[in-house]
Each structure stands twice: as structure tokens, then as C-alpha cells.
Amino acid sequence: MPFGRAINLGLRHALEDDPKVLVMGEDIGPLGGVFRVTEHLQRDFGSDRVRDTPLAESGIIGTAIGLAYRGYRSVCEIQFDGFIFPAFDQITTQLSRVTRRHEGRQPVPVVIRVPYGGHIGSIEHHEESPEAYFAHTPGLRVVAPSTPNDAYWMIRQAVAQNDPLLFFEPKSRYWHKGEVHLDEPAAPLHASRVARTGTDVTVVGWGGMTTVLLQTAALAETEGTSLEIVDLRSISPIDYGPVLESVRKTGRLVVAQEAPGNVSVASEVAATIAERAFYSLEAPVLRVTGYNTPFPPSKVESHYLPDPDRILEAVDRALEY
């Protein structure tokens, strides 16, 4: 099943299971969204539950906050990653704080779906990776699935829990297929996973970067280097257990992300592992990231985004120590 279709199925099952679940966003109704992730949901559940909204991201989130007070569970689609910034105030100063303002008595089950990341040949505001802004904000959960199976189960789990959560969807993966096990229990929403076992270097990523890391591991294997790939799946909170276990085995860590490296999730992972596994490290923790510039025009995005060559260069540097 394609990644995008798995999210669609997860939303469909959430709408079937709970009449208080609502889906809203720009062009998500008859069009099914820019990426068709919400295709046919309005047809099957009606425009009261699957709502097209004005082009006003701040209004979408503000509406979801109000609906939470009335007991509804809103799933809000932000059309593209760069379009989330008009809603930044509502998300970081309102949505994230409601439960604490009410001393834990008011749940705010709002899920914000964010197609994010590069590799689609588009322009700025359409290929960005703003997850660190929200991972930095207390009161928000942030996840980023990398497989169709995780996409299905994690959207189901996200809708069912009671905290505001940003669901970052790597748009480059929407059309990639994988198995979805509807009859198998899901891993916990915020659990990391080892996507590929290895012995020489641990490489950590999340979302769309996980696919690039698996490609890198296959190339490294042809050169006699064994990489262990850890997919975080969640970046707020982060489950460091599998990362620590892997680093204690390999002694080396590379963290890769599409976003710029300055004050980033990769920086946080590197600092935490340096604090908690210092005596296991045989080399400094290295980061491979986007550059500290605005996202470039599509014709040069391949030079901006981390690729197997840049990651392998970092792996080689780690092994030189």
C-alpha cells in the first residue's frame, strides 16, 4: 500500500471509530488535498466531518482548539510545510498550553498533519523541514513516520491520544509502497526502531531521511562497512533506548536530517548521546544536515539535501578515529 494511502486508511478508520473525529484543511474535500491523502473522505463521511477551510492556517488551528473544548478530535491538514508559519502563534502560544492552563483537566486532542521535506523538485515554502521549531515547544508531541505501516498505525494512535501532536509526513514517500499489517498490534507511538542492524557505525534519522539511510547502508555494505540504522519515528519525545543500545555496540554515531543543522533535532540527539554514552564513543558524534540557508531552488536541491555520498563521507570520518 502506498504511504499516502495508508494515512488515508488510518483517517478513514478513525472517522469510523469515533463520531467526534473531524478532519479539516484547505482543499481536502472533493479534491482530496494536494497529495490526495484525504481522497473520498468527504464523500463518505460528509462535509460536516471532513471540512474544506479558508486559506487561513491560523484559523484552522484556532478552530481546532475551540472544538477541543467541545469534546471533538480534530485532524488539521497544513497543505505544505512552509505554510505552517502563519499558524505558529496559535500552535506555540495557545494550542501547546491549553492543558497546563487548566491544570491537566482539559485535553486538547488536535493532530496537525504536515507534508514536509524535499525531493519533489519544488520551491521554498514547499520543501522545508520545520520540525525543530515544534519539538522545542513544551506541550507538543512531534512524530514523523517513514513506512506505510507506521503511517497507518501512527495516525491512528495520534488521533486517539489527548495531546496536541504534529504529524510530519515525508511527502517524497507518499507514492512509495510497503506492507501494512492491519491485524498486528502497533509499536508504541513514540518508540524508536532499528530499521537495519549493523556493527560498525550507528546512523540515526527519521521520516524521509530513513529511506536515504537505508540506501546508504546498502552502498556501505558493498565497501565492507556495516551500518546500523535507527529510525526515531518520534522527535518529541525521543526514545533514546535503541540509539543508546546501538551506540554502545558500534561506538560511533552519525545523525542525518534534511533541516539545517544549526540548533536542530540532530544537534539535540548528538548532545544527548554525548552526555549519556560518552565512554562508549570511539569518535565524535557527527551530523549530516541541510545547510544553514533558506531552501534553494529545485535545480540545486540535490546539493542541499543530505545524500548517500555525504553520509558515507561522515561514516568514513567516524571510522578514522
C-alpha atoms as a PDB file:
ATOM      1  CA  MET A   1       0.000   0.000   0.000  1.00  0.00           C
ATOM      2  CA  PRO A   2       1.383   3.486  -0.816  1.00  0.00           C
ATOM      3  CA  PHE A   3       2.402   5.657   2.132  1.00  0.00           C
ATOM      4  CA  GLY A   4      -0.235   8.300   1.394  1.00  0.00           C
ATOM      5  CA  ARG A   5      -2.965   5.705   1.011  1.00  0.00           C
ATOM      6  CA  ALA A   6      -2.006   4.219   4.381  1.00  0.00           C
ATOM      7  CA  ILE A   7      -2.637   7.594   6.037  1.00  0.00           C
ATOM      8  CA  ASN A   8      -5.949   7.841   4.191  1.00  0.00           C
ATOM      9  CA  LEU A   9      -6.949   4.430   5.516  1.00  0.00           C
ATOM     10  CA  GLY A  10      -5.916   5.379   9.046  1.00  0.00           C
ATOM     11  CA  LEU A  11      -8.036   8.531   8.877  1.00  0.00           C
ATOM     12  CA  ARG A  12     -10.951   6.555   7.478  1.00  0.00           C
ATOM     13  CA  HIS A  13     -10.814   4.072  10.353  1.00  0.00           C
ATOM     14  CA  ALA A  14     -10.503   6.905  12.887  1.00  0.00           C
ATOM     15  CA  LEU A  15     -13.608   8.578  11.432  1.00  0.00           C
ATOM     16  CA  GLU A  16     -15.479   5.269  11.539  1.00  0.00           C
ATOM     17  CA  ASP A  17     -14.489   4.510  15.122  1.00  0.00           C
ATOM     18  CA  ASP A  18     -15.303   7.872  16.728  1.00  0.00           C
ATOM     19  CA  PRO A  19     -18.066  10.277  15.613  1.00  0.00           C
ATOM     20  CA  LYS A  20     -16.207  13.074  17.411  1.00  0.00           C
ATOM     21  CA  VAL A  21     -13.273  12.881  14.955  1.00  0.00           C
ATOM     22  CA  LEU A  22     -13.222  15.727  12.416  1.00  0.00           C
ATOM     23  CA  VAL A  23     -10.831  16.379   9.516  1.00  0.00           C
ATOM     24  CA  MET A  24     -10.260  19.902   8.214  1.00  0.00           C
ATOM     25  CA  GLY A  25      -7.932  21.741   5.876  1.00  0.00           C
ATOM     26  CA  GLU A  26      -7.520  23.568   2.593  1.00  0.00           C
ATOM     27  CA  ASP A  27      -8.876  21.671  -0.444  1.00  0.00           C
ATOM     28  CA  ILE A  28      -9.198  18.396   1.453  1.00  0.00           C
ATOM     29  CA  GLY A  29     -12.829  17.784   0.422  1.00  0.00           C
ATOM     30  CA  PRO A  30     -13.720  16.909  -3.196  1.00  0.00           C
ATOM     31  CA  LEU A  31     -10.093  17.415  -4.287  1.00  0.00           C
ATOM     32  CA  GLY A  32      -8.744  15.156  -1.537  1.00  0.00           C
ATOM     33  CA  GLY A  33      -5.868  17.501  -0.770  1.00  0.00           C
ATOM     34  CA  VAL A  34      -2.892  18.411  -2.946  1.00  0.00           C
ATOM     35  CA  PHE A  35      -1.468  14.912  -2.448  1.00  0.00           C
ATOM     36  CA  ARG A  36      -4.901  13.182  -2.427  1.00  0.00           C
ATOM     37  CA  VAL A  37      -4.329  11.872   1.091  1.00  0.00           C
ATOM     38  CA  THR A  38      -7.918  12.718   2.095  1.00  0.00           C
ATOM     39  CA  GLU A  39      -9.435  11.465  -1.157  1.00  0.00           C
ATOM     40  CA  HIS A  40     -13.093  10.353  -0.877  1.00  0.00           C
ATOM     41  CA  LEU A  41     -13.292  11.037   2.866  1.00  0.00           C
ATOM     42  CA  GLN A  42     -15.722  13.922   2.457  1.00  0.00           C
ATOM     43  CA  ARG A  43     -17.795  11.860   0.029  1.00  0.00           C
ATOM     44  CA  ASP A  44     -18.091   9.031   2.550  1.00  0.00           C
ATOM     45  CA  PHE A  45     -18.365  10.977   5.832  1.00  0.00           C
ATOM     46  CA  GLY A  46     -19.954  14.237   4.770  1.00  0.00           C
ATOM     47  CA  SER A  47     -18.869  17.864   4.777  1.00  0.00           C
ATOM     48  CA  ASP A  48     -19.720  18.306   8.470  1.00  0.00           C
ATOM     49  CA  ARG A  49     -16.930  15.926   9.457  1.00  0.00           C
ATOM     50  CA  VAL A  50     -14.471  16.464   6.577  1.00  0.00           C
ATOM     51  CA  ARG A  51     -14.363  20.211   6.087  1.00  0.00           C
ATOM     52  CA  ASP A  52     -12.780  22.424   3.473  1.00  0.00           C
ATOM     53  CA  THR A  53     -11.485  25.574   5.151  1.00  0.00           C
ATOM     54  CA  PRO A  54     -10.479  29.059   4.005  1.00  0.00           C
ATOM     55  CA  LEU A  55      -6.816  29.652   3.202  1.00  0.00           C
ATOM     56  CA  ALA A  56      -6.062  30.660   6.775  1.00  0.00           C
ATOM     57  CA  GLU A  57      -3.811  28.295   8.706  1.00  0.00           C
ATOM     58  CA  SER A  58      -4.133  30.292  11.915  1.00  0.00           C
ATOM     59  CA  GLY A  59      -7.900  29.993  11.656  1.00  0.00           C
ATOM     60  CA  ILE A  60      -7.705  26.236  11.099  1.00  0.00           C
ATOM     61  CA  ILE A  61      -5.734  25.708  14.308  1.00  0.00           C
ATOM     62  CA  GLY A  62      -7.817  28.197  16.275  1.00  0.00           C
ATOM     63  CA  THR A  63     -10.978  26.380  15.218  1.00  0.00           C
ATOM     64  CA  ALA A  64      -9.483  23.054  16.317  1.00  0.00           C
ATOM     65  CA  ILE A  65      -8.662  24.488  19.746  1.00  0.00           C
ATOM     66  CA  GLY A  66     -12.241  25.640  20.192  1.00  0.00           C
ATOM     67  CA  LEU A  67     -13.596  22.283  19.051  1.00  0.00           C
ATOM     68  CA  ALA A  68     -11.391  20.532  21.624  1.00  0.00           C
ATOM     69  CA  TYR A  69     -13.281  22.389  24.357  1.00  0.00           C
ATOM     70  CA  ARG A  70     -16.464  20.839  22.969  1.00  0.00           C
ATOM     71  CA  GLY A  71     -15.050  17.312  23.031  1.00  0.00           C
ATOM     72  CA  TYR A  72     -14.052  16.948  19.378  1.00  0.00           C
ATOM     73  CA  ARG A  73     -10.861  15.428  17.994  1.00  0.00           C
ATOM     74  CA  SER A  74      -9.617  17.491  15.062  1.00  0.00           C
ATOM     75  CA  VAL A  75      -7.158  16.389  12.404  1.00  0.00           C
ATOM     76  CA  CYS A  76      -5.900  19.523  10.641  1.00  0.00           C
ATOM     77  CA  GLU A  77      -4.015  19.396   7.353  1.00  0.00           C
ATOM     78  CA  ILE A  78      -1.455  22.097   6.619  1.00  0.00           C
ATOM     79  CA  GLN A  79      -1.114  21.958   2.851  1.00  0.00           C
ATOM     80  CA  PHE A  80       2.688  22.351   2.746  1.00  0.00           C
ATOM     81  CA  ASP A  81       5.381  22.554   5.415  1.00  0.00           C
ATOM     82  CA  GLY A  82       6.174  26.214   4.771  1.00  0.00           C
ATOM     83  CA  PHE A  83       2.528  27.183   5.157  1.00  0.00           C
ATOM     84  CA  ILE A  84       2.556  26.300   8.855  1.00  0.00           C
ATOM     85  CA  PHE A  85       4.202  29.558   9.909  1.00  0.00           C
ATOM     86  CA  PRO A  86       1.026  31.690   9.759  1.00  0.00           C
ATOM     87  CA  ALA A  87      -0.300  29.288  12.433  1.00  0.00           C
ATOM     88  CA  PHE A  88       2.868  29.421  14.538  1.00  0.00           C
ATOM     89  CA  ASP A  89       1.369  31.720  17.165  1.00  0.00           C
ATOM     90  CA  GLN A  90      -1.757  29.593  17.595  1.00  0.00           C
ATOM     91  CA  ILE A  91       0.303  26.397  17.860  1.00  0.00           C
ATOM     92  CA  THR A  92       3.095  27.535  20.176  1.00  0.00           C
ATOM     93  CA  THR A  93       1.354  30.063  22.428  1.00  0.00           C
ATOM     94  CA  GLN A  94      -2.155  28.644  22.552  1.00  0.00           C
ATOM     95  CA  LEU A  95      -2.514  25.004  21.477  1.00  0.00           C
ATOM     96  CA  SER A  96       0.571  23.834  23.373  1.00  0.00           C
ATOM     97  CA  ARG A  97      -0.536  25.490  26.641  1.00  0.00           C
ATOM     98  CA  VAL A  98      -4.256  24.795  26.981  1.00  0.00           C
ATOM     99  CA  THR A  99      -3.927  21.647  29.082  1.00  0.00           C
ATOM    100  CA  ARG A 100      -1.499  23.289  31.514  1.00  0.00           C
ATOM    101  CA  ARG A 101      -3.711  26.353  31.831  1.00  0.00           C
ATOM    102  CA  HIS A 102      -6.441  24.017  33.032  1.00  0.00           C
ATOM    103  CA  GLU A 103      -4.091  22.106  35.364  1.00  0.00           C
ATOM    104  CA  GLY A 104      -4.335  18.985  33.205  1.00  0.00           C
ATOM    105  CA  ARG A 105      -8.121  18.820  33.206  1.00  0.00           C
ATOM    106  CA  GLN A 106      -8.713  19.918  29.591  1.00  0.00           C
ATOM    107  CA  PRO A 107      -7.475  17.511  26.906  1.00  0.00           C
ATOM    108  CA  VAL A 108      -6.575  19.005  23.525  1.00  0.00           C
ATOM    109  CA  PRO A 109      -6.719  16.124  21.022  1.00  0.00           C
ATOM    110  CA  VAL A 110      -5.577  18.071  17.954  1.00  0.00           C
ATOM    111  CA  VAL A 111      -3.431  16.423  15.281  1.00  0.00           C
ATOM    112  CA  ILE A 112      -1.731  18.667  12.727  1.00  0.00           C
ATOM    113  CA  ARG A 113      -0.705  16.828   9.571  1.00  0.00           C
ATOM    114  CA  VAL A 114       2.271  18.457   7.852  1.00  0.00           C
ATOM    115  CA  PRO A 115       3.589  17.229   4.476  1.00  0.00           C
ATOM    116  CA  TYR A 116       7.276  18.116   4.807  1.00  0.00           C
ATOM    117  CA  GLY A 117      10.701  17.712   3.282  1.00  0.00           C
ATOM    118  CA  GLY A 118      12.382  17.793  -0.092  1.00  0.00           C
ATOM    119  CA  HIS A 119      12.999  15.523  -3.064  1.00  0.00           C
ATOM    120  CA  ILE A 120       9.933  16.690  -5.015  1.00  0.00           C
ATOM    121  CA  GLY A 121      11.569  19.405  -7.133  1.00  0.00           C
ATOM    122  CA  SER A 122       9.526  22.291  -5.798  1.00  0.00           C
ATOM    123  CA  ILE A 123      10.365  25.696  -4.309  1.00  0.00           C
ATOM    124  CA  GLU A 124      10.742  27.354  -0.924  1.00  0.00           C
ATOM    125  CA  HIS A 125       7.729  27.051   1.386  1.00  0.00           C
ATOM    126  CA  HIS A 126       7.023  23.686  -0.271  1.00  0.00           C
ATOM    127  CA  GLU A 127      10.050  21.553   0.710  1.00  0.00           C
ATOM    128  CA  GLU A 128      11.050  22.637   4.187  1.00  0.00           C
ATOM    129  CA  SER A 129      11.635  20.707   7.404  1.00  0.00           C
ATOM    130  CA  PRO A 130      10.434  22.871  10.310  1.00  0.00           C
ATOM    131  CA  GLU A 131      10.060  20.082  12.876  1.00  0.00           C
ATOM    132  CA  ALA A 132      12.657  21.502  15.297  1.00  0.00           C
ATOM    133  CA  TYR A 133      10.557  24.613  15.977  1.00  0.00           C
ATOM    134  CA  PHE A 134       7.791  22.456  17.380  1.00  0.00           C
ATOM    135  CA  ALA A 135       9.954  19.811  19.047  1.00  0.00           C
ATOM    136  CA  HIS A 136      11.401  22.720  21.057  1.00  0.00           C
ATOM    137  CA  THR A 137       7.948  23.747  22.304  1.00  0.00           C
ATOM    138  CA  PRO A 138       6.785  22.195  25.609  1.00  0.00           C
ATOM    139  CA  GLY A 139       3.327  20.693  25.366  1.00  0.00           C
ATOM    140  CA  LEU A 140       3.606  19.464  21.778  1.00  0.00           C
ATOM    141  CA  ARG A 141       4.252  15.956  20.557  1.00  0.00           C
ATOM    142  CA  VAL A 142       6.046  15.559  17.205  1.00  0.00           C
ATOM    143  CA  VAL A 143       6.277  12.381  15.132  1.00  0.00           C
ATOM    144  CA  ALA A 144       7.480  11.503  11.622  1.00  0.00           C
ATOM    145  CA  PRO A 145       6.733   8.029  10.199  1.00  0.00           C
ATOM    146  CA  SER A 146       8.884   6.550   7.453  1.00  0.00           C
ATOM    147  CA  THR A 147       6.968   3.444   6.305  1.00  0.00           C
ATOM    148  CA  PRO A 148       3.371   2.822   5.201  1.00  0.00           C
ATOM    149  CA  ASN A 149       2.827   0.544   8.193  1.00  0.00           C
ATOM    150  CA  ASP A 150       3.973   3.259  10.586  1.00  0.00           C
ATOM    151  CA  ALA A 151       1.967   5.859   8.678  1.00  0.00           C
ATOM    152  CA  TYR A 152      -1.233   3.868   9.218  1.00  0.00           C
ATOM    153  CA  TRP A 153      -0.694   2.933  12.853  1.00  0.00           C
ATOM    154  CA  MET A 154       0.819   6.219  13.965  1.00  0.00           C
ATOM    155  CA  ILE A 155      -2.025   8.336  12.565  1.00  0.00           C
ATOM    156  CA  ARG A 156      -4.474   6.031  14.352  1.00  0.00           C
ATOM    157  CA  GLN A 157      -2.557   6.394  17.610  1.00  0.00           C
ATOM    158  CA  ALA A 158      -2.126  10.134  17.144  1.00  0.00           C
ATOM    159  CA  VAL A 159      -5.856  10.714  16.726  1.00  0.00           C
ATOM    160  CA  ALA A 160      -6.683   8.534  19.743  1.00  0.00           C
ATOM    161  CA  GLN A 161      -4.371  10.279  22.229  1.00  0.00           C
ATOM    162  CA  ASN A 162      -5.295  13.503  24.028  1.00  0.00           C
ATOM    163  CA  ASP A 163      -2.372  15.875  23.446  1.00  0.00           C
ATOM    164  CA  PRO A 164      -1.636  18.290  20.588  1.00  0.00           C
ATOM    165  CA  LEU A 165       0.569  16.486  18.101  1.00  0.00           C
ATOM    166  CA  LEU A 166       2.307  17.407  14.866  1.00  0.00           C
ATOM    167  CA  PHE A 167       2.373  14.572  12.355  1.00  0.00           C
ATOM    168  CA  PHE A 168       5.148  15.217   9.838  1.00  0.00           C
ATOM    169  CA  GLU A 169       4.614  13.270   6.614  1.00  0.00           C
ATOM    170  CA  PRO A 170       7.599  12.978   4.235  1.00  0.00           C
ATOM    171  CA  LYS A 171       5.922  13.981   1.000  1.00  0.00           C
ATOM    172  CA  SER A 172       8.607  12.246  -1.068  1.00  0.00           C
ATOM    173  CA  ARG A 173       7.309   8.953   0.357  1.00  0.00           C
ATOM    174  CA  TYR A 174       3.610   9.389  -0.466  1.00  0.00           C
ATOM    175  CA  TRP A 175       3.775   7.139  -3.527  1.00  0.00           C
ATOM    176  CA  HIS A 176       6.172   4.521  -2.160  1.00  0.00           C
ATOM    177  CA  LYS A 177       4.612   1.192  -1.305  1.00  0.00           C
ATOM    178  CA  GLY A 178       5.045  -1.151   1.642  1.00  0.00           C
ATOM    179  CA  GLU A 179       3.120  -3.685   3.663  1.00  0.00           C
ATOM    180  CA  VAL A 180       0.508  -2.512   6.149  1.00  0.00           C
ATOM    181  CA  HIS A 181      -0.340  -5.079   8.832  1.00  0.00           C
ATOM    182  CA  LEU A 182      -3.844  -4.204   9.942  1.00  0.00           C
ATOM    183  CA  ASP A 183      -4.119  -7.252  12.189  1.00  0.00           C
ATOM    184  CA  GLU A 184      -0.868  -6.734  14.090  1.00  0.00           C
ATOM    185  CA  PRO A 185      -0.542  -4.571  17.204  1.00  0.00           C
ATOM    186  CA  ALA A 186       1.344  -1.358  16.583  1.00  0.00           C
ATOM    187  CA  ALA A 187       4.543  -0.318  18.291  1.00  0.00           C
ATOM    188  CA  PRO A 188       4.080   2.471  20.840  1.00  0.00           C
ATOM    189  CA  LEU A 189       3.602   5.842  19.155  1.00  0.00           C
ATOM    190  CA  HIS A 190       6.862   7.328  20.427  1.00  0.00           C
ATOM    191  CA  ALA A 191       9.105   4.247  20.162  1.00  0.00           C
ATOM    192  CA  SER A 192      12.280   4.306  18.073  1.00  0.00           C
ATOM    193  CA  ARG A 193      13.118   1.254  15.970  1.00  0.00           C
ATOM    194  CA  VAL A 194      16.185  -0.362  14.458  1.00  0.00           C
ATOM    195  CA  ALA A 195      15.482  -0.309  10.718  1.00  0.00           C
ATOM    196  CA  ARG A 196      18.647  -2.246   9.827  1.00  0.00           C
ATOM    197  CA  THR A 197      21.147  -3.981  12.054  1.00  0.00           C
ATOM    198  CA  GLY A 198      24.862  -3.363  11.743  1.00  0.00           C
ATOM    199  CA  THR A 199      28.105  -3.400  13.686  1.00  0.00           C
ATOM    200  CA  ASP A 200      30.415  -0.546  12.641  1.00  0.00           C
ATOM    201  CA  VAL A 201      28.546   2.778  12.821  1.00  0.00           C
ATOM    202  CA  THR A 202      25.111   3.807  14.097  1.00  0.00           C
ATOM    203  CA  VAL A 203      23.256   6.201  11.790  1.00  0.00           C
ATOM    204  CA  VAL A 204      20.096   7.916  13.053  1.00  0.00           C
ATOM    205  CA  GLY A 205      17.318   9.618  11.100  1.00  0.00           C
ATOM    206  CA  TRP A 206      13.539   9.922  10.899  1.00  0.00           C
ATOM    207  CA  GLY A 207      10.805  10.399   8.324  1.00  0.00           C
ATOM    208  CA  GLY A 208      12.017  10.592   4.733  1.00  0.00           C
ATOM    209  CA  MET A 209      15.668  10.511   5.788  1.00  0.00           C
ATOM    210  CA  THR A 210      15.273   6.900   6.910  1.00  0.00           C
ATOM    211  CA  THR A 211      14.947   5.799   3.281  1.00  0.00           C
ATOM    212  CA  VAL A 212      18.139   7.651   2.367  1.00  0.00           C
ATOM    213  CA  LEU A 213      19.938   5.988   5.287  1.00  0.00           C
ATOM    214  CA  LEU A 214      18.851   2.527   4.175  1.00  0.00           C
ATOM    215  CA  GLN A 215      20.158   3.274   0.679  1.00  0.00           C
ATOM    216  CA  THR A 216      23.402   4.448   2.255  1.00  0.00           C
ATOM    217  CA  ALA A 217      23.701   1.263   4.306  1.00  0.00           C
ATOM    218  CA  ALA A 218      23.319  -0.851   1.174  1.00  0.00           C
ATOM    219  CA  LEU A 219      26.127   1.087  -0.517  1.00  0.00           C
ATOM    220  CA  ALA A 220      28.329   0.881   2.573  1.00  0.00           C
ATOM    221  CA  GLU A 221      27.888  -2.879   2.665  1.00  0.00           C
ATOM    222  CA  THR A 222      29.451  -3.174  -0.799  1.00  0.00           C
ATOM    223  CA  GLU A 223      32.520  -1.451   0.652  1.00  0.00           C
ATOM    224  CA  GLY A 224      32.675  -3.725   3.687  1.00  0.00           C
ATOM    225  CA  THR A 225      31.152  -1.312   6.219  1.00  0.00           C
ATOM    226  CA  SER A 226      28.183  -2.369   8.345  1.00  0.00           C
ATOM    227  CA  LEU A 227      25.783   0.432   9.314  1.00  0.00           C
ATOM    228  CA  GLU A 228      23.053   0.130  11.922  1.00  0.00           C
ATOM    229  CA  ILE A 229      20.120   2.387  11.029  1.00  0.00           C
ATOM    230  CA  VAL A 230      17.871   3.706  13.808  1.00  0.00           C
ATOM    231  CA  ASP A 231      14.585   5.347  12.799  1.00  0.00           C
ATOM    232  CA  LEU A 232      13.495   7.671  15.609  1.00  0.00           C
ATOM    233  CA  ARG A 233       9.829   7.815  14.421  1.00  0.00           C
ATOM    234  CA  SER A 234       9.210  10.379  17.168  1.00  0.00           C
ATOM    235  CA  ILE A 235      11.239  13.524  17.805  1.00  0.00           C
ATOM    236  CA  SER A 236       9.283  14.855  20.770  1.00  0.00           C
ATOM    237  CA  PRO A 237       9.618  12.894  22.910  1.00  0.00           C
ATOM    238  CA  ILE A 238      12.604  10.904  21.641  1.00  0.00           C
ATOM    239  CA  ASP A 239      13.018   7.280  22.648  1.00  0.00           C
ATOM    240  CA  TYR A 240      16.780   7.079  23.130  1.00  0.00           C
ATOM    241  CA  GLY A 241      16.816   3.431  24.215  1.00  0.00           C
ATOM    242  CA  PRO A 242      17.547   1.853  20.807  1.00  0.00           C
ATOM    243  CA  VAL A 243      20.022   4.628  19.976  1.00  0.00           C
ATOM    244  CA  LEU A 244      21.991   4.149  23.185  1.00  0.00           C
ATOM    245  CA  GLU A 245      21.999   0.381  22.811  1.00  0.00           C
ATOM    246  CA  SER A 246      23.271   0.692  19.257  1.00  0.00           C
ATOM    247  CA  VAL A 247      25.975   3.241  20.090  1.00  0.00           C
ATOM    248  CA  ARG A 248      27.236   1.078  22.940  1.00  0.00           C
ATOM    249  CA  LYS A 249      27.683  -1.655  20.339  1.00  0.00           C
ATOM    250  CA  THR A 250      29.223   0.350  17.474  1.00  0.00           C
ATOM    251  CA  GLY A 251      30.969   3.162  19.361  1.00  0.00           C
ATOM    252  CA  ARG A 252      30.192   5.628  16.568  1.00  0.00           C
ATOM    253  CA  LEU A 253      27.183   7.783  15.694  1.00  0.00           C
ATOM    254  CA  VAL A 254      26.140   9.828  12.673  1.00  0.00           C
ATOM    255  CA  VAL A 255      22.851  11.775  12.734  1.00  0.00           C
ATOM    256  CA  ALA A 256      21.259  12.871   9.456  1.00  0.00           C
ATOM    257  CA  GLN A 257      18.397  15.257   8.736  1.00  0.00           C
ATOM    258  CA  GLU A 258      17.102  17.438   5.888  1.00  0.00           C
ATOM    259  CA  ALA A 259      16.711  20.547   8.057  1.00  0.00           C
ATOM    260  CA  PRO A 260      19.597  22.976   8.640  1.00  0.00           C
ATOM    261  CA  GLY A 261      21.982  21.765  11.316  1.00  0.00           C
ATOM    262  CA  ASN A 262      22.119  24.874  13.489  1.00  0.00           C
ATOM    263  CA  VAL A 263      20.138  24.384  16.756  1.00  0.00           C
ATOM    264  CA  SER A 264      18.376  21.331  15.362  1.00  0.00           C
ATOM    265  CA  VAL A 265      16.975  17.930  16.280  1.00  0.00           C
ATOM    266  CA  ALA A 266      20.242  16.389  15.077  1.00  0.00           C
ATOM    267  CA  SER A 267      22.111  18.673  17.471  1.00  0.00           C
ATOM    268  CA  GLU A 268      19.883  17.565  20.346  1.00  0.00           C
ATOM    269  CA  VAL A 269      20.436  13.883  19.565  1.00  0.00           C
ATOM    270  CA  ALA A 270      24.191  14.415  19.314  1.00  0.00           C
ATOM    271  CA  ALA A 271      24.332  16.276  22.635  1.00  0.00           C
ATOM    272  CA  THR A 272      22.207  13.710  24.452  1.00  0.00           C
ATOM    273  CA  ILE A 273      24.262  10.752  23.256  1.00  0.00           C
ATOM    274  CA  ALA A 274      27.480  12.580  24.170  1.00  0.00           C
ATOM    275  CA  GLU A 275      26.079  13.081  27.683  1.00  0.00           C
ATOM    276  CA  ARG A 276      24.657   9.596  28.184  1.00  0.00           C
ATOM    277  CA  ALA A 277      27.095   7.366  26.292  1.00  0.00           C
ATOM    278  CA  PHE A 278      30.358   9.312  26.357  1.00  0.00           C
ATOM    279  CA  TYR A 279      32.511   6.395  27.447  1.00  0.00           C
ATOM    280  CA  SER A 280      31.088   4.195  24.695  1.00  0.00           C
ATOM    281  CA  LEU A 281      32.062   6.600  21.913  1.00  0.00           C
ATOM    282  CA  GLU A 282      35.174   5.914  19.860  1.00  0.00           C
ATOM    283  CA  ALA A 283      34.685   9.085  17.777  1.00  0.00           C
ATOM    284  CA  PRO A 284      32.846  12.414  17.996  1.00  0.00           C
ATOM    285  CA  VAL A 285      29.176  12.338  17.084  1.00  0.00           C
ATOM    286  CA  LEU A 286      28.852  13.680  13.537  1.00  0.00           C
ATOM    287  CA  ARG A 287      25.902  15.402  11.867  1.00  0.00           C
ATOM    288  CA  VAL A 288      24.919  15.458   8.198  1.00  0.00           C
ATOM    289  CA  THR A 289      22.270  18.103   7.587  1.00  0.00           C
ATOM    290  CA  GLY A 290      20.861  20.656   5.215  1.00  0.00           C
ATOM    291  CA  TYR A 291      22.900  23.835   5.012  1.00  0.00           C
ATOM    292  CA  ASN A 292      22.137  26.931   7.081  1.00  0.00           C
ATOM    293  CA  THR A 293      20.422  28.731   4.220  1.00  0.00           C
ATOM    294  CA  PRO A 294      16.824  29.071   3.036  1.00  0.00           C
ATOM    295  CA  PHE A 295      15.696  26.098   0.969  1.00  0.00           C
ATOM    296  CA  PRO A 296      17.202  26.553  -2.517  1.00  0.00           C
ATOM    297  CA  PRO A 297      15.591  26.439  -5.978  1.00  0.00           C
ATOM    298  CA  SER A 298      14.701  22.950  -7.171  1.00  0.00           C
ATOM    299  CA  LYS A 299      17.563  22.737  -9.666  1.00  0.00           C
ATOM    300  CA  VAL A 300      20.107  22.708  -6.836  1.00  0.00           C
ATOM    301  CA  GLU A 301      18.141  20.928  -4.088  1.00  0.00           C
ATOM    302  CA  SER A 302      20.184  17.762  -4.662  1.00  0.00           C
ATOM    303  CA  HIS A 303      23.256  19.683  -3.484  1.00  0.00           C
ATOM    304  CA  TYR A 304      21.430  20.926  -0.386  1.00  0.00           C
ATOM    305  CA  LEU A 305      19.827  17.728   0.883  1.00  0.00           C
ATOM    306  CA  PRO A 306      21.937  15.023   2.555  1.00  0.00           C
ATOM    307  CA  ASP A 307      22.553  12.128   0.190  1.00  0.00           C
ATOM    308  CA  PRO A 308      24.375   8.790   0.493  1.00  0.00           C
ATOM    309  CA  ASP A 309      27.682  10.337  -0.589  1.00  0.00           C
ATOM    310  CA  ARG A 310      27.643  12.962   2.167  1.00  0.00           C
ATOM    311  CA  ILE A 311      26.530  10.419   4.755  1.00  0.00           C
ATOM    312  CA  LEU A 312      29.218   7.932   3.715  1.00  0.00           C
ATOM    313  CA  GLU A 313      31.806  10.694   3.990  1.00  0.00           C
ATOM    314  CA  ALA A 314      30.736  11.230   7.608  1.00  0.00           C
ATOM    315  CA  VAL A 315      30.821   7.472   8.222  1.00  0.00           C
ATOM    316  CA  ASP A 316      34.386   7.337   6.893  1.00  0.00           C
ATOM    317  CA  ARG A 317      35.394  10.227   9.162  1.00  0.00           C
ATOM    318  CA  ALA A 318      33.907   8.433  12.170  1.00  0.00           C
ATOM    319  CA  LEU A 319      35.806   5.255  11.325  1.00  0.00           C
ATOM    320  CA  GLU A 320      39.115   7.111  11.030  1.00  0.00           C
ATOM    321  CA  TYR A 321      39.245   7.757  14.800  1.00  0.00           C
END
